[in-house]
Amino acid sequence: MTFYSFVRAVLTPFVRWFLKPRVAGRENIPSDAGFIICCNHQSMWDLFILVIDFPHQVSFMAKKEMFKNPISRWFFTKLGAFPVERGSGDKSAIKNAMDVLNKGGVLGIYPEGTRNKEGRPGKAKAGAAMLALNSGADVLPVAINYHGKPSLFGKKTLNYGKIIKNETLSGGADKVGKTQIREATDTIMGEITKLWEKDN
């Protein structure tokens, strides 16, 4: 058993007994890995809800601050996560992300870049779209809706959307430019927002 599988096994009872998210759209999850999963980010519960339900191991790009403590660094690294210094064009993080995709793994990104406590999905950073366009990977949009302020026992919905094919994001362009990245970013976040609105 891998460390990732062990953590899932330990957390599953907690998520199912206490968080109890309602899940929709599981049929949209590709059977094979090698894509990017993009989700809105409102609460610390997001990671647990997604990891427990999702059938593939996800390597998350996480803020650098989560790796400063030796214990948390060990824990998140064992889970396959890697740090990114936000707003810096972190070349090491980009390399790690591309390695995940090139090896056929699933890369997890919160396009907003940080927790959005307002609830409704906010403005996305360009990172997720840039990685998708440069790697050729498809994107699976996901939305978690807490129906108000996140709480342990409150209502929660996890919605998987239909896969966004890479050719849809690129628009058939031969080269990746600012226009393609901006439009792809809007497409990804737009689909996440639609999923969030379904249950609001």
Protein backbone atom coordinates (compact mmCIF):
# COMPACT_ATOMS: atom_id res chain seq x y z
CA MET A 1 0.00 0.00 0.00
CA THR A 2 1.36 3.43 -0.93
CA PHE A 3 1.37 6.33 1.51
CA TYR A 4 -1.28 8.03 -0.61
CA SER A 5 -3.54 4.96 -0.39
CA PHE A 6 -2.93 4.72 3.36
CA VAL A 7 -3.94 8.36 3.92
CA ARG A 8 -7.06 7.85 1.81
CA ALA A 9 -8.00 4.80 3.84
CA VAL A 10 -7.56 6.70 7.11
CA LEU A 11 -9.46 9.81 5.97
CA THR A 12 -12.33 8.06 4.19
CA PRO A 13 -14.42 7.39 7.32
CA PHE A 14 -13.98 11.00 8.47
CA VAL A 15 -15.05 12.44 5.10
CA ARG A 16 -18.00 10.10 4.68
CA TRP A 17 -19.30 10.32 8.24
CA PHE A 18 -18.76 14.00 8.95
CA LEU A 19 -18.24 16.02 5.76
CA LYS A 20 -20.73 13.89 3.77
CA PRO A 21 -20.44 15.63 0.40
CA ARG A 22 -23.09 14.94 -2.24
CA VAL A 23 -21.28 13.96 -5.44
CA ALA A 24 -22.43 14.47 -9.04
CA GLY A 25 -20.78 13.86 -12.41
CA ARG A 26 -18.47 10.96 -11.56
CA GLU A 27 -19.16 9.58 -15.04
CA ASN A 28 -17.14 12.53 -16.41
CA ILE A 29 -13.89 11.34 -14.81
CA PRO A 30 -11.58 9.81 -17.46
CA SER A 31 -10.60 6.20 -16.81
CA ASP A 32 -7.00 6.95 -17.76
CA ALA A 33 -4.84 9.54 -16.02
CA GLY A 34 -2.71 12.16 -17.77
CA PHE A 35 -4.81 15.29 -17.33
CA ILE A 36 -5.19 18.36 -15.12
CA ILE A 37 -7.94 18.62 -12.52
CA CYS A 38 -8.92 22.22 -11.74
CA CYS A 39 -11.13 23.05 -8.76
CA ASN A 40 -12.32 26.19 -7.00
CA HIS A 41 -10.83 26.69 -3.55
CA GLN A 42 -12.83 27.90 -0.57
CA SER A 43 -11.85 25.73 2.40
CA MET A 44 -9.18 23.45 3.83
CA TRP A 45 -11.79 20.67 3.45
CA ASP A 46 -11.48 20.90 -0.36
CA LEU A 47 -8.38 18.69 -0.48
CA PHE A 48 -9.88 15.97 1.73
CA ILE A 49 -13.20 15.89 -0.14
CA LEU A 50 -11.52 15.64 -3.53
CA VAL A 51 -8.75 13.18 -2.64
CA ILE A 52 -11.13 10.73 -0.97
CA ASP A 53 -13.64 10.67 -3.83
CA PHE A 54 -11.31 10.86 -6.83
CA PRO A 55 -10.26 7.44 -8.28
CA HIS A 56 -6.76 8.55 -9.41
CA GLN A 57 -3.87 9.79 -7.30
CA VAL A 58 -3.57 13.55 -7.67
CA SER A 59 -0.28 15.47 -7.42
CA PHE A 60 -1.26 18.90 -6.16
CA MET A 61 0.61 22.13 -6.78
CA ALA A 62 0.47 23.78 -3.33
CA LYS A 63 1.62 27.10 -1.92
CA LYS A 64 5.22 27.16 -0.72
CA GLU A 65 4.18 28.11 2.83
CA MET A 66 2.70 24.64 3.36
CA PHE A 67 6.19 23.14 3.08
CA LYS A 68 8.03 25.33 5.60
CA ASN A 69 7.29 23.09 8.58
CA PRO A 70 9.37 19.86 8.39
CA ILE A 71 6.41 17.68 9.36
CA SER A 72 3.97 19.22 6.88
CA ARG A 73 6.70 19.20 4.21
CA TRP A 74 7.23 15.47 4.74
CA PHE A 75 3.48 14.78 4.74
CA PHE A 76 2.59 16.72 1.60
CA THR A 77 5.68 15.54 -0.29
CA LYS A 78 4.78 11.91 0.50
CA LEU A 79 1.31 12.62 -0.89
CA GLY A 80 2.91 13.70 -4.16
CA ALA A 81 2.33 17.44 -3.70
CA PHE A 82 5.01 19.98 -4.56
CA PRO A 83 5.52 23.65 -3.67
CA VAL A 84 5.01 26.70 -5.81
CA GLU A 85 5.99 30.26 -5.01
CA ARG A 86 2.92 32.18 -6.05
CA GLY A 87 3.26 35.14 -8.40
CA SER A 88 6.89 34.39 -9.26
CA GLY A 89 6.79 32.18 -12.36
CA ASP A 90 8.37 29.41 -10.26
CA LYS A 91 10.42 27.38 -12.79
CA SER A 92 10.91 24.48 -10.39
CA ALA A 93 7.16 24.16 -9.84
CA ILE A 94 6.51 24.32 -13.59
CA LYS A 95 9.07 21.56 -14.17
CA ASN A 96 7.49 19.39 -11.47
CA ALA A 97 4.04 19.95 -12.95
CA MET A 98 5.20 19.03 -16.45
CA ASP A 99 6.93 15.92 -15.08
CA VAL A 100 3.64 14.75 -13.52
CA LEU A 101 1.81 15.15 -16.83
CA ASN A 102 4.61 13.68 -18.95
CA LYS A 103 4.54 10.57 -16.75
CA GLY A 104 0.80 10.21 -17.26
CA GLY A 105 -0.22 11.41 -13.80
CA VAL A 106 -3.01 13.72 -12.69
CA LEU A 107 -1.99 17.27 -11.81
CA GLY A 108 -4.19 19.13 -9.33
CA ILE A 109 -4.42 22.92 -9.44
CA TYR A 110 -6.60 25.53 -7.76
CA PRO A 111 -6.76 28.14 -10.56
CA GLU A 112 -7.66 30.95 -8.16
CA GLY A 113 -4.25 30.52 -6.56
CA THR A 114 -5.50 30.82 -2.99
CA ARG A 115 -8.58 30.22 -0.88
CA ASN A 116 -11.53 32.36 -1.89
CA LYS A 117 -13.62 32.78 1.25
CA GLU A 118 -16.42 34.61 -0.56
CA GLY A 119 -17.84 31.34 -1.87
CA ARG A 120 -18.50 32.07 -5.52
CA PRO A 121 -15.49 31.12 -7.69
CA GLY A 122 -13.34 34.17 -8.34
CA LYS A 123 -10.79 35.29 -10.89
CA ALA A 124 -8.29 32.68 -11.98
CA LYS A 125 -4.55 32.99 -12.39
CA ALA A 126 -3.02 31.95 -15.70
CA GLY A 127 -0.98 28.99 -14.38
CA ALA A 128 -3.45 26.17 -15.02
CA ALA A 129 -4.19 27.28 -18.58
CA MET A 130 -0.52 27.82 -19.35
CA LEU A 131 0.38 24.32 -18.18
CA ALA A 132 -2.49 22.78 -20.13
CA LEU A 133 -1.56 24.57 -23.33
CA ASN A 134 2.15 23.80 -23.05
CA SER A 135 1.68 20.15 -22.10
CA GLY A 136 -1.23 19.32 -24.39
CA ALA A 137 -3.18 17.95 -21.41
CA ASP A 138 -6.97 18.01 -21.14
CA VAL A 139 -8.61 19.68 -18.13
CA LEU A 140 -11.28 18.27 -15.82
CA PRO A 141 -13.23 21.12 -14.18
CA VAL A 142 -14.52 20.49 -10.66
CA ALA A 143 -16.52 22.62 -8.25
CA ILE A 144 -17.08 22.26 -4.52
CA ASN A 145 -20.03 24.21 -3.16
CA TYR A 146 -20.49 24.68 0.59
CA HIS A 147 -23.81 26.48 0.17
CA GLY A 148 -22.63 29.28 2.42
CA LYS A 149 -19.82 29.37 4.94
CA PRO A 150 -17.80 26.12 5.03
CA SER A 151 -18.48 24.03 8.13
CA LEU A 152 -17.83 20.48 9.24
CA PHE A 153 -21.46 19.38 9.21
CA GLY A 154 -22.90 21.81 6.64
CA LYS A 155 -24.20 20.90 3.20
CA LYS A 156 -21.52 20.26 0.57
CA THR A 157 -21.66 19.36 -3.10
CA LEU A 158 -18.82 18.02 -5.26
CA ASN A 159 -19.52 18.42 -8.99
CA TYR A 160 -17.35 16.94 -11.76
CA GLY A 161 -17.76 18.61 -15.14
CA LYS A 162 -17.13 17.28 -18.62
CA ILE A 163 -13.50 17.10 -19.68
CA ILE A 164 -12.25 20.15 -21.58
CA LYS A 165 -10.27 18.90 -24.54
CA ASN A 166 -6.94 20.62 -25.10
CA GLU A 167 -7.82 21.54 -28.67
CA THR A 168 -10.77 23.50 -27.29
CA LEU A 169 -8.44 25.48 -25.04
CA SER A 170 -5.85 26.15 -27.72
CA GLY A 171 -8.40 27.13 -30.36
CA GLY A 172 -6.22 25.46 -32.96
CA ALA A 173 -3.38 27.94 -32.47
CA ASP A 174 0.10 26.67 -33.37
CA LYS A 175 1.83 28.82 -30.75
CA VAL A 176 0.88 29.58 -27.18
CA GLY A 177 0.49 33.32 -26.70
CA LYS A 178 -1.07 35.68 -24.20
CA THR A 179 -4.41 35.64 -26.00
CA GLN A 180 -4.65 31.84 -25.95
CA ILE A 181 -3.67 31.71 -22.26
CA ARG A 182 -6.20 34.37 -21.30
CA GLU A 183 -9.02 32.71 -23.25
CA ALA A 184 -8.14 29.26 -21.90
CA THR A 185 -8.09 30.65 -18.36
CA ASP A 186 -11.56 32.13 -18.84
CA THR A 187 -12.84 28.85 -20.30
CA ILE A 188 -11.57 26.76 -17.39
CA MET A 189 -12.86 29.10 -14.70
CA GLY A 190 -16.11 29.58 -16.57
CA GLU A 191 -16.81 25.85 -16.51
CA ILE A 192 -15.96 25.65 -12.80
CA THR A 193 -18.33 28.54 -12.09
CA LYS A 194 -21.15 26.87 -14.03
CA LEU A 195 -20.71 23.71 -11.98
CA TRP A 196 -20.74 25.71 -8.73
CA GLU A 197 -23.90 27.54 -9.79
CA LYS A 198 -25.77 24.27 -10.43
CA ASP A 199 -26.30 23.75 -6.72
CA ASN A 200 -26.42 27.31 -5.48
